[in-house]
N, C-alpha and C. Protein backbone atom coordinates (compact mmCIF):
# COMPACT_ATOMS: atom_id res chain seq x y z
N MET A 1 -199.50 -7.78 3.53
CA MET A 1 -198.97 -8.97 2.87
C MET A 1 -198.32 -8.54 1.56
N ARG A 2 -197.31 -9.29 1.17
CA ARG A 2 -196.67 -9.03 -0.11
C ARG A 2 -196.39 -10.35 -0.82
N SER A 3 -196.41 -10.29 -2.13
CA SER A 3 -196.12 -11.46 -2.96
C SER A 3 -194.69 -11.37 -3.47
N ILE A 4 -194.03 -12.51 -3.49
CA ILE A 4 -192.67 -12.59 -4.00
C ILE A 4 -192.63 -13.74 -5.01
N ARG A 5 -192.16 -13.45 -6.21
CA ARG A 5 -192.03 -14.49 -7.22
C ARG A 5 -190.70 -15.20 -7.05
N ILE A 6 -190.75 -16.49 -6.93
CA ILE A 6 -189.55 -17.32 -6.84
C ILE A 6 -189.11 -17.67 -8.25
N THR A 7 -187.85 -17.42 -8.54
CA THR A 7 -187.35 -17.68 -9.89
C THR A 7 -186.24 -18.72 -9.94
N SER A 8 -185.73 -19.12 -8.77
CA SER A 8 -184.69 -20.14 -8.73
C SER A 8 -184.62 -20.74 -7.33
N LYS A 9 -183.83 -21.78 -7.19
CA LYS A 9 -183.67 -22.40 -5.87
C LYS A 9 -182.90 -21.50 -4.92
N ASP A 10 -182.27 -20.46 -5.43
CA ASP A 10 -181.55 -19.50 -4.60
C ASP A 10 -182.43 -18.36 -4.10
N SER A 11 -183.70 -18.35 -4.52
CA SER A 11 -184.60 -17.28 -4.12
C SER A 11 -184.92 -17.37 -2.63
N LEU A 12 -185.14 -16.21 -2.05
CA LEU A 12 -185.55 -16.13 -0.66
C LEU A 12 -186.85 -16.92 -0.47
N PHE A 13 -186.93 -17.70 0.56
CA PHE A 13 -188.11 -18.50 0.92
C PHE A 13 -188.29 -19.76 0.06
N PHE A 14 -187.37 -20.04 -0.87
CA PHE A 14 -187.55 -21.22 -1.73
C PHE A 14 -187.69 -22.49 -0.89
N ASP A 15 -186.79 -22.73 0.04
CA ASP A 15 -186.84 -23.96 0.83
C ASP A 15 -188.11 -24.04 1.67
N GLU A 16 -188.51 -22.93 2.27
CA GLU A 16 -189.74 -22.93 3.06
C GLU A 16 -190.96 -23.19 2.18
N ALA A 17 -190.98 -22.60 0.99
CA ALA A 17 -192.09 -22.81 0.06
C ALA A 17 -192.17 -24.28 -0.36
N MET A 18 -191.03 -24.89 -0.63
CA MET A 18 -191.03 -26.30 -1.03
C MET A 18 -191.48 -27.20 0.13
N GLU A 19 -191.15 -26.84 1.34
CA GLU A 19 -191.61 -27.61 2.49
C GLU A 19 -193.13 -27.50 2.64
N LEU A 20 -193.68 -26.31 2.48
CA LEU A 20 -195.13 -26.13 2.54
C LEU A 20 -195.80 -26.90 1.40
N TYR A 21 -195.22 -26.86 0.23
CA TYR A 21 -195.71 -27.59 -0.94
C TYR A 21 -195.77 -29.09 -0.64
N LYS A 22 -194.69 -29.63 -0.09
CA LYS A 22 -194.61 -31.07 0.20
C LYS A 22 -195.61 -31.51 1.26
N THR A 23 -195.90 -30.65 2.22
CA THR A 23 -196.80 -31.04 3.31
C THR A 23 -198.26 -30.71 3.01
N SER A 24 -198.53 -29.99 1.92
CA SER A 24 -199.90 -29.56 1.63
C SER A 24 -200.58 -30.35 0.53
N PHE A 25 -199.82 -31.11 -0.25
CA PHE A 25 -200.41 -31.81 -1.38
C PHE A 25 -199.97 -33.27 -1.39
N PRO A 26 -200.86 -34.16 -1.87
CA PRO A 26 -200.45 -35.56 -1.98
C PRO A 26 -199.29 -35.70 -2.96
N LYS A 27 -198.47 -36.68 -2.76
CA LYS A 27 -197.27 -36.86 -3.58
C LYS A 27 -197.57 -36.90 -5.07
N PHE A 28 -198.68 -37.54 -5.46
CA PHE A 28 -198.99 -37.66 -6.88
C PHE A 28 -199.39 -36.32 -7.51
N GLU A 29 -199.60 -35.28 -6.68
CA GLU A 29 -199.89 -33.94 -7.18
C GLU A 29 -198.68 -33.01 -7.06
N GLN A 30 -197.52 -33.57 -6.77
CA GLN A 30 -196.31 -32.76 -6.59
C GLN A 30 -195.27 -33.08 -7.65
N ARG A 31 -194.65 -32.04 -8.15
CA ARG A 31 -193.50 -32.23 -9.02
C ARG A 31 -192.29 -32.64 -8.18
N LYS A 32 -191.42 -33.40 -8.78
CA LYS A 32 -190.10 -33.60 -8.17
C LYS A 32 -189.38 -32.26 -8.27
N ILE A 33 -188.43 -32.05 -7.39
CA ILE A 33 -187.74 -30.77 -7.33
C ILE A 33 -187.08 -30.40 -8.66
N GLU A 34 -186.50 -31.38 -9.34
CA GLU A 34 -185.85 -31.07 -10.62
C GLU A 34 -186.86 -30.61 -11.67
N HIS A 35 -188.07 -31.17 -11.63
CA HIS A 35 -189.11 -30.74 -12.58
C HIS A 35 -189.64 -29.36 -12.20
N HIS A 36 -189.70 -29.11 -10.90
CA HIS A 36 -190.13 -27.79 -10.44
C HIS A 36 -189.13 -26.72 -10.90
N LEU A 37 -187.86 -27.01 -10.79
CA LEU A 37 -186.83 -26.06 -11.22
C LEU A 37 -186.91 -25.82 -12.73
N GLU A 38 -187.21 -26.86 -13.50
CA GLU A 38 -187.39 -26.70 -14.95
C GLU A 38 -188.60 -25.82 -15.24
N ALA A 39 -189.71 -26.04 -14.52
CA ALA A 39 -190.92 -25.24 -14.72
C ALA A 39 -190.67 -23.76 -14.43
N LEU A 40 -189.81 -23.49 -13.46
CA LEU A 40 -189.50 -22.09 -13.12
C LEU A 40 -188.94 -21.32 -14.31
N GLU A 41 -188.37 -22.02 -15.26
CA GLU A 41 -187.79 -21.37 -16.43
C GLU A 41 -188.83 -21.03 -17.50
N HIS A 42 -190.05 -21.57 -17.37
CA HIS A 42 -191.10 -21.30 -18.35
C HIS A 42 -191.71 -19.93 -18.05
N GLU A 43 -191.84 -19.10 -19.07
CA GLU A 43 -192.32 -17.74 -18.86
C GLU A 43 -193.75 -17.66 -18.33
N ASP A 44 -194.56 -18.67 -18.55
CA ASP A 44 -195.95 -18.64 -18.08
C ASP A 44 -196.09 -19.04 -16.61
N TYR A 45 -195.08 -19.68 -16.07
CA TYR A 45 -195.18 -20.23 -14.72
C TYR A 45 -194.78 -19.19 -13.67
N ASN A 46 -195.63 -19.05 -12.68
CA ASN A 46 -195.40 -18.12 -11.58
C ASN A 46 -195.42 -18.89 -10.27
N CYS A 47 -194.27 -19.01 -9.69
CA CYS A 47 -194.11 -19.66 -8.38
C CYS A 47 -194.04 -18.52 -7.37
N THR A 48 -195.14 -18.24 -6.73
CA THR A 48 -195.26 -17.07 -5.88
C THR A 48 -195.49 -17.46 -4.44
N ILE A 49 -194.83 -16.77 -3.55
CA ILE A 49 -195.09 -16.97 -2.13
C ILE A 49 -195.64 -15.65 -1.58
N ILE A 50 -196.43 -15.78 -0.52
CA ILE A 50 -197.03 -14.63 0.12
C ILE A 50 -196.45 -14.55 1.53
N CYS A 51 -195.97 -13.35 1.89
CA CYS A 51 -195.33 -13.14 3.19
C CYS A 51 -196.04 -12.03 3.94
N GLU A 52 -195.92 -12.11 5.24
CA GLU A 52 -196.37 -11.03 6.11
C GLU A 52 -195.36 -10.93 7.24
N ASP A 53 -194.90 -9.72 7.51
CA ASP A 53 -193.88 -9.51 8.53
C ASP A 53 -192.67 -10.43 8.32
N ASN A 54 -192.30 -10.59 7.04
CA ASN A 54 -191.15 -11.40 6.65
C ASN A 54 -191.28 -12.89 7.02
N LYS A 55 -192.52 -13.36 7.14
CA LYS A 55 -192.78 -14.78 7.41
C LYS A 55 -193.67 -15.33 6.31
N LEU A 56 -193.42 -16.58 5.94
CA LEU A 56 -194.20 -17.23 4.90
C LEU A 56 -195.63 -17.47 5.36
N VAL A 57 -196.58 -16.96 4.59
CA VAL A 57 -198.00 -17.16 4.86
C VAL A 57 -198.53 -18.28 3.97
N GLY A 58 -198.16 -18.26 2.70
CA GLY A 58 -198.70 -19.26 1.79
C GLY A 58 -197.98 -19.25 0.46
N LEU A 59 -198.47 -20.11 -0.42
CA LEU A 59 -197.92 -20.19 -1.76
C LEU A 59 -199.04 -20.19 -2.77
N LEU A 60 -198.76 -19.65 -3.93
CA LEU A 60 -199.69 -19.59 -5.04
C LEU A 60 -198.88 -19.84 -6.30
N PHE A 61 -198.96 -21.06 -6.81
CA PHE A 61 -198.25 -21.44 -8.02
C PHE A 61 -199.27 -21.45 -9.15
N TYR A 62 -199.04 -20.64 -10.18
CA TYR A 62 -200.03 -20.54 -11.25
C TYR A 62 -199.36 -20.32 -12.60
N TRP A 63 -200.13 -20.61 -13.63
CA TRP A 63 -199.71 -20.43 -15.03
C TRP A 63 -200.56 -19.32 -15.61
N GLU A 64 -199.91 -18.40 -16.33
CA GLU A 64 -200.64 -17.27 -16.90
C GLU A 64 -200.34 -17.11 -18.38
N THR A 65 -201.42 -17.06 -19.16
CA THR A 65 -201.32 -16.80 -20.59
C THR A 65 -202.07 -15.49 -20.86
N ASP A 66 -202.15 -15.12 -22.12
CA ASP A 66 -202.88 -13.89 -22.45
C ASP A 66 -204.38 -14.03 -22.21
N LYS A 67 -204.89 -15.27 -22.11
CA LYS A 67 -206.32 -15.49 -21.95
C LYS A 67 -206.75 -15.91 -20.55
N TYR A 68 -205.88 -16.62 -19.83
CA TYR A 68 -206.31 -17.11 -18.53
C TYR A 68 -205.16 -17.29 -17.56
N ARG A 69 -205.57 -17.48 -16.30
CA ARG A 69 -204.66 -17.87 -15.23
C ARG A 69 -205.17 -19.19 -14.67
N TYR A 70 -204.26 -20.11 -14.52
CA TYR A 70 -204.61 -21.42 -13.96
C TYR A 70 -203.85 -21.59 -12.65
N ILE A 71 -204.58 -21.66 -11.55
CA ILE A 71 -203.97 -21.88 -10.25
C ILE A 71 -203.70 -23.37 -10.11
N GLU A 72 -202.44 -23.71 -10.11
CA GLU A 72 -202.06 -25.12 -10.03
C GLU A 72 -201.95 -25.58 -8.57
N HIS A 73 -201.36 -24.77 -7.72
CA HIS A 73 -201.21 -25.10 -6.30
C HIS A 73 -201.42 -23.84 -5.47
N PHE A 74 -202.22 -23.97 -4.42
CA PHE A 74 -202.49 -22.87 -3.50
C PHE A 74 -202.56 -23.47 -2.10
N ALA A 75 -201.76 -22.94 -1.20
CA ALA A 75 -201.75 -23.47 0.17
C ALA A 75 -201.39 -22.35 1.15
N ILE A 76 -201.97 -22.46 2.31
CA ILE A 76 -201.68 -21.55 3.42
C ILE A 76 -200.92 -22.34 4.47
N HIS A 77 -199.95 -21.69 5.09
CA HIS A 77 -199.16 -22.32 6.16
C HIS A 77 -200.12 -22.92 7.19
N ARG A 78 -199.85 -24.14 7.59
CA ARG A 78 -200.74 -24.88 8.48
C ARG A 78 -201.14 -24.09 9.73
N GLY A 79 -200.22 -23.38 10.34
CA GLY A 79 -200.51 -22.63 11.56
C GLY A 79 -201.35 -21.38 11.34
N LEU A 80 -201.57 -21.02 10.07
CA LEU A 80 -202.33 -19.81 9.76
C LEU A 80 -203.68 -20.09 9.10
N ARG A 81 -203.99 -21.34 8.90
CA ARG A 81 -205.27 -21.69 8.27
C ARG A 81 -206.43 -21.30 9.17
N GLY A 82 -207.54 -20.95 8.54
CA GLY A 82 -208.72 -20.56 9.30
C GLY A 82 -208.70 -19.11 9.77
N GLN A 83 -207.73 -18.32 9.31
CA GLN A 83 -207.61 -16.92 9.74
C GLN A 83 -207.84 -15.95 8.57
N ASN A 84 -208.53 -16.41 7.54
CA ASN A 84 -208.91 -15.60 6.36
C ASN A 84 -207.76 -15.23 5.43
N TYR A 85 -206.58 -15.81 5.62
CA TYR A 85 -205.49 -15.50 4.70
C TYR A 85 -205.81 -15.99 3.29
N GLY A 86 -206.36 -17.18 3.17
CA GLY A 86 -206.68 -17.73 1.85
C GLY A 86 -207.65 -16.84 1.10
N SER A 87 -208.70 -16.40 1.78
CA SER A 87 -209.69 -15.51 1.16
C SER A 87 -209.06 -14.19 0.73
N LYS A 88 -208.26 -13.61 1.59
CA LYS A 88 -207.62 -12.32 1.28
C LYS A 88 -206.71 -12.45 0.06
N ILE A 89 -205.92 -13.50 0.04
CA ILE A 89 -204.98 -13.70 -1.08
C ILE A 89 -205.73 -13.88 -2.39
N LEU A 90 -206.75 -14.73 -2.38
CA LEU A 90 -207.49 -14.97 -3.63
C LEU A 90 -208.27 -13.75 -4.08
N LYS A 91 -208.83 -12.99 -3.14
CA LYS A 91 -209.56 -11.77 -3.53
C LYS A 91 -208.62 -10.79 -4.25
N GLU A 92 -207.40 -10.67 -3.78
CA GLU A 92 -206.43 -9.80 -4.45
C GLU A 92 -206.00 -10.36 -5.80
N PHE A 93 -205.95 -11.69 -5.89
CA PHE A 93 -205.48 -12.35 -7.11
C PHE A 93 -206.54 -12.29 -8.22
N CYS A 94 -207.80 -12.31 -7.85
CA CYS A 94 -208.91 -12.41 -8.82
C CYS A 94 -209.36 -11.02 -9.25
N THR A 95 -208.47 -10.25 -9.84
CA THR A 95 -208.81 -8.86 -10.15
C THR A 95 -208.80 -8.49 -11.62
N ASP A 96 -208.36 -9.35 -12.51
CA ASP A 96 -208.35 -8.92 -13.91
C ASP A 96 -209.42 -9.67 -14.70
N ASP A 97 -209.47 -9.41 -15.99
CA ASP A 97 -210.53 -9.96 -16.83
C ASP A 97 -210.21 -11.32 -17.44
N LYS A 98 -209.04 -11.85 -17.12
CA LYS A 98 -208.70 -13.17 -17.66
C LYS A 98 -209.56 -14.24 -17.01
N THR A 99 -209.76 -15.32 -17.72
CA THR A 99 -210.45 -16.46 -17.15
C THR A 99 -209.53 -17.07 -16.10
N LEU A 100 -210.04 -17.23 -14.90
CA LEU A 100 -209.26 -17.75 -13.78
C LEU A 100 -209.79 -19.14 -13.44
N LEU A 101 -208.88 -20.14 -13.46
CA LEU A 101 -209.27 -21.53 -13.28
C LEU A 101 -208.48 -22.19 -12.16
N LEU A 102 -209.12 -23.18 -11.55
CA LEU A 102 -208.43 -24.07 -10.64
C LEU A 102 -209.17 -25.40 -10.63
N GLU A 103 -208.57 -26.39 -10.00
CA GLU A 103 -209.16 -27.73 -9.93
C GLU A 103 -209.36 -28.10 -8.46
N ILE A 104 -210.41 -28.87 -8.22
CA ILE A 104 -210.63 -29.45 -6.90
C ILE A 104 -211.11 -30.88 -7.07
N ASP A 105 -211.02 -31.65 -5.99
CA ASP A 105 -211.60 -32.98 -6.01
C ASP A 105 -213.11 -32.86 -6.12
N PRO A 106 -213.77 -33.82 -6.76
CA PRO A 106 -215.24 -33.77 -6.81
C PRO A 106 -215.79 -33.68 -5.38
N PRO A 107 -216.82 -32.86 -5.16
CA PRO A 107 -217.36 -32.68 -3.81
C PRO A 107 -218.16 -33.89 -3.34
N GLU A 108 -217.44 -34.88 -2.82
CA GLU A 108 -218.08 -36.13 -2.42
C GLU A 108 -217.96 -36.42 -0.94
N ASP A 109 -217.05 -35.77 -0.24
CA ASP A 109 -216.90 -35.99 1.20
C ASP A 109 -216.87 -34.64 1.91
N HIS A 110 -216.78 -34.66 3.22
CA HIS A 110 -216.84 -33.44 4.01
C HIS A 110 -215.76 -32.43 3.61
N ILE A 111 -214.53 -32.88 3.47
CA ILE A 111 -213.43 -31.97 3.15
C ILE A 111 -213.58 -31.37 1.75
N SER A 112 -213.92 -32.19 0.77
CA SER A 112 -214.05 -31.67 -0.60
C SER A 112 -215.27 -30.75 -0.72
N LYS A 113 -216.33 -31.01 0.02
CA LYS A 113 -217.49 -30.11 0.02
C LYS A 113 -217.15 -28.79 0.69
N LYS A 114 -216.37 -28.85 1.75
CA LYS A 114 -215.93 -27.63 2.43
C LYS A 114 -215.04 -26.80 1.51
N ARG A 115 -214.16 -27.45 0.77
CA ARG A 115 -213.29 -26.76 -0.18
C ARG A 115 -214.12 -26.07 -1.28
N LEU A 116 -215.12 -26.78 -1.81
CA LEU A 116 -215.99 -26.18 -2.82
C LEU A 116 -216.72 -24.96 -2.24
N SER A 117 -217.20 -25.08 -1.02
CA SER A 117 -217.89 -23.96 -0.38
C SER A 117 -216.96 -22.75 -0.24
N PHE A 118 -215.73 -22.98 0.16
CA PHE A 118 -214.74 -21.90 0.30
C PHE A 118 -214.58 -21.16 -1.02
N TYR A 119 -214.33 -21.89 -2.10
CA TYR A 119 -214.11 -21.25 -3.39
C TYR A 119 -215.40 -20.62 -3.93
N SER A 120 -216.53 -21.25 -3.71
CA SER A 120 -217.81 -20.70 -4.18
C SER A 120 -218.11 -19.35 -3.53
N LYS A 121 -217.81 -19.21 -2.25
CA LYS A 121 -218.04 -17.94 -1.55
C LYS A 121 -217.20 -16.81 -2.14
N LEU A 122 -216.10 -17.17 -2.77
CA LEU A 122 -215.22 -16.17 -3.38
C LEU A 122 -215.61 -15.84 -4.82
N GLY A 123 -216.58 -16.58 -5.37
CA GLY A 123 -217.04 -16.31 -6.73
C GLY A 123 -216.68 -17.35 -7.76
N PHE A 124 -216.09 -18.47 -7.34
CA PHE A 124 -215.76 -19.53 -8.29
C PHE A 124 -217.00 -20.39 -8.56
N ARG A 125 -217.12 -20.85 -9.79
CA ARG A 125 -218.24 -21.69 -10.19
C ARG A 125 -217.72 -23.03 -10.69
N MET A 126 -218.36 -24.10 -10.24
CA MET A 126 -217.96 -25.43 -10.71
C MET A 126 -218.46 -25.62 -12.14
N GLN A 127 -217.58 -26.10 -12.99
CA GLN A 127 -217.90 -26.32 -14.39
C GLN A 127 -218.27 -27.79 -14.62
N ASP A 128 -219.01 -28.03 -15.67
CA ASP A 128 -219.53 -29.37 -15.93
C ASP A 128 -218.68 -30.11 -16.97
N PHE A 129 -217.37 -30.12 -16.77
CA PHE A 129 -216.48 -30.82 -17.67
C PHE A 129 -215.87 -32.01 -16.95
N ASP A 130 -215.66 -33.09 -17.67
CA ASP A 130 -214.94 -34.24 -17.11
C ASP A 130 -213.46 -33.98 -17.29
N HIS A 131 -212.81 -33.57 -16.22
CA HIS A 131 -211.40 -33.20 -16.28
C HIS A 131 -210.57 -34.28 -15.60
N PHE A 132 -209.51 -34.68 -16.25
CA PHE A 132 -208.63 -35.70 -15.70
C PHE A 132 -207.23 -35.11 -15.56
N GLN A 133 -206.68 -35.26 -14.38
CA GLN A 133 -205.31 -34.81 -14.14
C GLN A 133 -204.41 -36.04 -14.03
N PRO A 134 -203.47 -36.19 -14.96
CA PRO A 134 -202.51 -37.29 -14.83
C PRO A 134 -201.68 -37.09 -13.56
N SER A 135 -201.10 -38.16 -13.08
CA SER A 135 -200.24 -38.07 -11.91
C SER A 135 -198.97 -37.31 -12.26
N TYR A 136 -198.45 -36.57 -11.31
CA TYR A 136 -197.17 -35.89 -11.49
C TYR A 136 -196.02 -36.87 -11.29
N ARG A 137 -196.30 -38.04 -10.74
CA ARG A 137 -195.26 -39.01 -10.42
C ARG A 137 -195.58 -40.37 -11.03
N GLU A 138 -194.55 -41.05 -11.49
CA GLU A 138 -194.71 -42.42 -11.98
C GLU A 138 -195.15 -43.32 -10.84
N GLY A 139 -195.93 -44.33 -11.17
CA GLY A 139 -196.37 -45.29 -10.16
C GLY A 139 -197.62 -44.87 -9.42
N HIS A 140 -198.18 -43.73 -9.79
CA HIS A 140 -199.42 -43.25 -9.17
C HIS A 140 -200.48 -43.08 -10.25
N GLU A 141 -201.71 -43.24 -9.86
CA GLU A 141 -202.83 -43.03 -10.77
C GLU A 141 -203.12 -41.53 -10.86
N GLY A 142 -203.66 -41.11 -11.99
CA GLY A 142 -204.17 -39.75 -12.09
C GLY A 142 -205.53 -39.71 -11.39
N ASN A 143 -206.18 -38.57 -11.44
CA ASN A 143 -207.49 -38.51 -10.79
C ASN A 143 -208.43 -37.56 -11.52
N LYS A 144 -209.72 -37.85 -11.36
CA LYS A 144 -210.76 -37.00 -11.92
C LYS A 144 -210.95 -35.81 -11.00
N LEU A 145 -210.97 -34.64 -11.59
CA LEU A 145 -211.14 -33.41 -10.83
C LEU A 145 -212.25 -32.57 -11.44
N LYS A 146 -212.68 -31.59 -10.69
CA LYS A 146 -213.65 -30.63 -11.20
C LYS A 146 -212.93 -29.30 -11.42
N ILE A 147 -213.29 -28.66 -12.52
CA ILE A 147 -212.74 -27.34 -12.86
C ILE A 147 -213.65 -26.28 -12.26
N LEU A 148 -213.03 -25.29 -11.62
CA LEU A 148 -213.76 -24.13 -11.15
C LEU A 148 -213.27 -22.92 -11.94
N SER A 149 -214.19 -22.05 -12.30
CA SER A 149 -213.87 -20.83 -13.03
C SER A 149 -214.41 -19.65 -12.23
N PHE A 150 -213.64 -18.59 -12.18
CA PHE A 150 -214.01 -17.42 -11.38
C PHE A 150 -215.02 -16.55 -12.11
N ASN A 151 -216.19 -16.39 -11.49
CA ASN A 151 -217.25 -15.47 -11.91
C ASN A 151 -217.76 -15.64 -13.33
N LYS A 152 -217.57 -16.80 -13.91
CA LYS A 152 -218.13 -17.04 -15.24
C LYS A 152 -218.15 -18.53 -15.53
N ASP A 153 -218.95 -18.90 -16.49
CA ASP A 153 -218.96 -20.28 -16.96
C ASP A 153 -218.12 -20.34 -18.23
N MET A 154 -217.45 -21.46 -18.40
CA MET A 154 -216.60 -21.65 -19.57
C MET A 154 -217.40 -22.29 -20.70
N THR A 155 -217.05 -21.94 -21.92
CA THR A 155 -217.62 -22.63 -23.07
C THR A 155 -216.83 -23.91 -23.30
N ASP A 156 -217.38 -24.80 -24.09
CA ASP A 156 -216.65 -26.02 -24.46
C ASP A 156 -215.33 -25.67 -25.13
N LYS A 157 -215.35 -24.66 -25.99
CA LYS A 157 -214.15 -24.24 -26.71
C LYS A 157 -213.08 -23.74 -25.73
N GLU A 158 -213.48 -22.94 -24.74
CA GLU A 158 -212.53 -22.44 -23.75
C GLU A 158 -211.93 -23.59 -22.93
N TYR A 159 -212.77 -24.53 -22.53
CA TYR A 159 -212.25 -25.66 -21.76
C TYR A 159 -211.28 -26.48 -22.61
N ASP A 160 -211.67 -26.77 -23.85
CA ASP A 160 -210.79 -27.57 -24.72
C ASP A 160 -209.44 -26.88 -24.92
N GLU A 161 -209.45 -25.57 -25.09
CA GLU A 161 -208.20 -24.82 -25.25
C GLU A 161 -207.35 -24.93 -23.98
N PHE A 162 -208.00 -24.74 -22.82
CA PHE A 162 -207.27 -24.87 -21.57
C PHE A 162 -206.72 -26.28 -21.40
N ASN A 163 -207.51 -27.28 -21.68
CA ASN A 163 -207.09 -28.67 -21.49
C ASN A 163 -205.91 -29.03 -22.38
N ARG A 164 -205.89 -28.52 -23.59
CA ARG A 164 -204.73 -28.73 -24.47
C ARG A 164 -203.49 -28.08 -23.88
N TYR A 165 -203.63 -26.85 -23.42
CA TYR A 165 -202.50 -26.14 -22.80
C TYR A 165 -202.02 -26.89 -21.56
N PHE A 166 -202.96 -27.31 -20.75
CA PHE A 166 -202.65 -28.04 -19.52
C PHE A 166 -201.82 -29.29 -19.82
N ASN A 167 -202.30 -30.10 -20.76
CA ASN A 167 -201.61 -31.35 -21.07
C ASN A 167 -200.29 -31.14 -21.79
N LYS A 168 -200.23 -30.14 -22.66
CA LYS A 168 -199.01 -29.90 -23.44
C LYS A 168 -197.95 -29.14 -22.65
N THR A 169 -198.37 -28.15 -21.88
CA THR A 169 -197.41 -27.25 -21.22
C THR A 169 -197.23 -27.58 -19.75
N VAL A 170 -198.29 -27.54 -18.99
CA VAL A 170 -198.18 -27.73 -17.53
C VAL A 170 -197.65 -29.12 -17.20
N MET A 171 -198.18 -30.13 -17.83
CA MET A 171 -197.82 -31.51 -17.49
C MET A 171 -196.49 -31.96 -18.08
N GLN A 172 -195.86 -31.12 -18.90
CA GLN A 172 -194.54 -31.50 -19.42
C GLN A 172 -193.49 -31.51 -18.33
N TYR A 173 -193.76 -30.88 -17.20
CA TYR A 173 -192.80 -30.81 -16.09
C TYR A 173 -193.13 -31.83 -15.00
N THR A 174 -193.43 -33.02 -15.44
CA THR A 174 -193.74 -34.13 -14.53
C THR A 174 -193.05 -35.38 -15.07
N GLU A 175 -193.16 -36.48 -14.31
CA GLU A 175 -192.55 -37.73 -14.78
C GLU A 175 -193.35 -38.34 -15.90
């Protein structure tokens, strides 16, 4: 498998990546295409696709600072789910000393509990912060999410710093 960073709408696999993005996440968690293109210009934003044999396997959209990496969107092609691609990709991704974060729905139903189990097996720990993600689209409600951190617990100070960055930087590329 190889990772390819998408830097513009002219990048190889851009259209396929956007199609996977649209079919993998609810609309209120998706940027409009124009906002996505604006985010691509931010130096912290990494719009990465993973390929094998020149075919799209998945996407990993994340923000990286000197202190942490925040996985904003991660999806595996529908036809390849359940074949350990997600685990392989994340194991390769979780290799440096930066704080690695992602969000999931609170584990209240079968799917969200299964998602928590998947990430927990890889070394992610659910944090005890009340995290709210505003909607990426007008006319939709935001939602309460749980923060997961890879192989460590976050301090209140670390969470507050991340939350400020999230609201100021990541969410500026939404409606």
